[in-house]
Amino acid sequence: MQTTPDPIPSAEGMHLRRLRDLTEFEVADGNPDVRGWSVRGADGRQFGQVFELIVDVDALKVRYLDIELDEGLQINERDRHILLPIGVAALDEDADNVFVPSLTAQTVLEYPPYVEIQITRQYEEAMLRALSLPLPAPAGQDFYGQPVYDGSGFYQRRKLG
């Protein structure tokens, strides 16, 4: 009897890893570690906290904020994490807040949940659609080359209070 070998798993998403799993990585000097900070939407209301940073190990850059949504939003516990591209947020270091103007407490309920498994391109595109952001150009171009993934703006841009 001839058996077929198990398919080789896709490498898609393998370049994205949680910061806590990367012992040789840390938040760059001069930048705040935003894990544990409150996340507020366009209406100023808190809808969660930054749980983890998702790092692109090939580019040595943070690409996503893993947000744990508040229990008060009445979301199933297994669906309570979402990923946000780092470029959609702004910092308020004085109050340890991360502001995401493109989300409200209502729209966060329609956002695709993140389960701590491999991040697929389909999930990344669903995130961009939920934020009403354009999808990157066709394959062959740098998916992360758009401003929504530029972390330098996140750390330089401060919300004026």
Protein backbone atom coordinates (compact mmCIF):
# COMPACT_ATOMS: atom_id res chain seq x y z
CA MET A 1 0.00 0.00 0.00
CA GLN A 2 1.41 3.35 -1.03
CA THR A 3 0.87 6.35 1.20
CA THR A 4 1.19 9.97 0.29
CA PRO A 5 3.34 12.13 2.53
CA ASP A 6 1.70 14.75 4.69
CA PRO A 7 1.62 18.11 2.94
CA ILE A 8 4.29 20.56 3.98
CA PRO A 9 2.67 23.34 6.00
CA SER A 10 2.51 26.74 4.37
CA ALA A 11 5.12 29.30 5.43
CA GLU A 12 2.49 32.03 5.11
CA GLY A 13 2.34 34.07 8.30
CA MET A 14 5.37 32.37 9.87
CA HIS A 15 7.33 35.64 9.78
CA LEU A 16 4.86 37.14 12.29
CA ARG A 17 5.55 36.21 15.91
CA ARG A 18 4.54 37.40 19.38
CA LEU A 19 7.17 39.59 21.01
CA ARG A 20 7.07 37.50 24.20
CA ASP A 21 8.18 34.45 22.19
CA LEU A 22 11.25 36.23 20.81
CA THR A 23 13.92 36.29 23.49
CA GLU A 24 16.35 38.16 21.23
CA PHE A 25 13.86 41.00 20.57
CA GLU A 26 12.71 43.89 22.73
CA VAL A 27 10.96 47.23 22.29
CA ALA A 28 13.44 49.73 20.83
CA ASP A 29 15.10 52.17 23.21
CA GLY A 30 13.13 55.38 23.53
CA ASN A 31 9.83 53.74 22.54
CA PRO A 32 7.26 52.84 25.21
CA ASP A 33 6.23 49.21 25.69
CA VAL A 34 2.49 49.62 25.18
CA ARG A 35 1.49 46.16 26.44
CA GLY A 36 -1.14 46.65 29.12
CA TRP A 37 -2.13 50.11 27.87
CA SER A 38 -5.81 50.95 27.42
CA VAL A 39 -7.12 51.00 23.85
CA ARG A 40 -9.71 53.65 23.06
CA GLY A 41 -11.77 54.16 19.95
CA ALA A 42 -12.94 57.24 18.08
CA ASP A 43 -15.49 58.00 20.80
CA GLY A 44 -12.79 57.93 23.52
CA ARG A 45 -14.37 54.90 25.17
CA GLN A 46 -12.07 52.07 26.25
CA PHE A 47 -12.72 48.80 24.45
CA GLY A 48 -9.68 46.81 25.46
CA GLN A 49 -5.99 46.65 26.32
CA VAL A 50 -2.86 45.95 24.32
CA PHE A 51 -2.12 42.31 25.12
CA GLU A 52 0.88 41.68 22.89
CA LEU A 53 2.95 43.05 20.01
CA ILE A 54 3.17 41.00 16.80
CA VAL A 55 6.59 41.33 15.20
CA ASP A 56 7.65 40.77 11.60
CA VAL A 57 10.90 38.92 12.33
CA ASP A 58 12.14 39.33 8.75
CA ALA A 59 11.79 43.14 8.81
CA LEU A 60 12.47 43.55 12.57
CA LYS A 61 9.33 45.66 12.96
CA VAL A 62 6.11 45.53 14.95
CA ARG A 63 3.25 45.03 12.48
CA TYR A 64 0.25 44.45 14.77
CA LEU A 65 -1.11 45.19 18.21
CA ASP A 66 -2.90 42.19 19.75
CA ILE A 67 -5.84 43.74 21.58
CA GLU A 68 -7.74 41.91 24.30
CA LEU A 69 -11.26 43.29 24.26
CA ASP A 70 -13.03 44.13 27.53
CA GLU A 71 -15.46 41.61 29.00
CA GLY A 72 -18.10 44.35 29.12
CA LEU A 73 -18.45 44.18 25.33
CA GLN A 74 -20.25 40.83 25.76
CA ILE A 75 -17.99 39.01 23.29
CA ASN A 76 -17.37 35.29 23.61
CA GLU A 77 -14.09 34.75 25.49
CA ARG A 78 -12.44 32.88 22.59
CA ASP A 79 -13.25 35.78 20.21
CA ARG A 80 -12.00 38.53 22.53
CA HIS A 81 -8.68 39.18 20.76
CA ILE A 82 -8.26 41.27 17.62
CA LEU A 83 -5.19 42.44 15.72
CA LEU A 84 -4.75 46.03 14.66
CA PRO A 85 -2.13 47.23 12.18
CA ILE A 86 0.25 49.44 14.15
CA GLY A 87 -0.17 52.39 11.78
CA VAL A 88 -3.88 52.89 12.60
CA ALA A 89 -3.16 53.85 16.22
CA ALA A 90 -1.82 56.90 18.04
CA LEU A 91 -0.23 57.17 21.48
CA ASP A 92 -1.15 59.24 24.51
CA GLU A 93 1.86 58.50 26.72
CA ASP A 94 0.69 60.77 29.53
CA ALA A 95 -2.29 58.53 30.24
CA ASP A 96 -0.92 55.24 28.81
CA ASN A 97 -3.60 55.09 26.13
CA VAL A 98 -3.55 53.84 22.55
CA PHE A 99 -6.15 55.56 20.37
CA VAL A 100 -7.63 53.90 17.29
CA PRO A 101 -9.76 56.54 15.56
CA SER A 102 -11.05 54.08 12.94
CA LEU A 103 -12.80 51.93 15.56
CA THR A 104 -15.74 52.52 17.86
CA ALA A 105 -17.20 50.28 20.55
CA GLN A 106 -19.81 49.24 17.94
CA THR A 107 -17.52 48.54 14.98
CA VAL A 108 -15.16 46.50 17.16
CA LEU A 109 -18.02 43.99 17.56
CA GLU A 110 -17.92 43.36 13.80
CA TYR A 111 -14.13 43.03 13.64
CA PRO A 112 -12.66 39.61 12.75
CA PRO A 113 -11.41 37.87 15.92
CA TYR A 114 -7.80 36.77 16.20
CA VAL A 115 -7.00 33.30 17.46
CA GLU A 116 -3.36 32.81 18.42
CA ILE A 117 -2.46 30.70 15.45
CA GLN A 118 -0.77 31.42 12.18
CA ILE A 119 -1.84 34.75 10.68
CA THR A 120 -3.04 34.21 7.12
CA ARG A 121 -3.17 36.74 4.31
CA GLN A 122 -6.96 36.23 4.26
CA TYR A 123 -7.15 37.34 7.90
CA GLU A 124 -4.93 40.35 7.20
CA GLU A 125 -7.18 41.37 4.31
CA ALA A 126 -10.31 40.90 6.45
CA MET A 127 -8.77 43.23 9.04
CA LEU A 128 -8.10 45.90 6.44
CA ARG A 129 -11.67 45.62 5.12
CA ALA A 130 -13.07 45.92 8.67
CA LEU A 131 -11.10 49.16 9.07
CA SER A 132 -12.30 50.38 5.64
CA LEU A 133 -8.69 50.50 4.44
CA PRO A 134 -7.54 49.70 0.91
CA LEU A 135 -6.04 46.31 0.18
CA PRO A 136 -2.45 46.35 -1.05
CA ALA A 137 -1.63 46.05 -4.71
CA PRO A 138 -1.57 42.57 -6.27
CA ALA A 139 0.96 39.94 -5.24
CA GLY A 140 4.56 40.71 -5.98
CA GLN A 141 4.48 44.06 -4.20
CA ASP A 142 5.30 44.54 -0.52
CA PHE A 143 2.11 43.87 1.46
CA TYR A 144 3.51 45.79 4.43
CA GLY A 145 4.72 48.73 2.33
CA GLN A 146 1.62 50.79 3.04
CA PRO A 147 1.33 53.43 5.81
CA VAL A 148 -1.03 51.29 7.89
CA TYR A 149 1.96 49.04 8.72
CA ASP A 150 4.47 51.80 9.37
CA GLY A 151 5.31 51.66 13.07
CA SER A 152 7.44 54.80 12.97
CA GLY A 153 4.26 56.86 12.75
CA PHE A 154 2.82 55.03 15.75
CA TYR A 155 5.76 55.89 17.98
CA GLN A 156 6.16 59.45 16.65
CA ARG A 157 2.50 60.45 16.48
CA ARG A 158 0.99 61.49 19.79
CA LYS A 159 -2.66 62.18 20.41
CA LEU A 160 -3.10 65.72 21.59
CA GLY A 161 -5.30 65.73 24.68
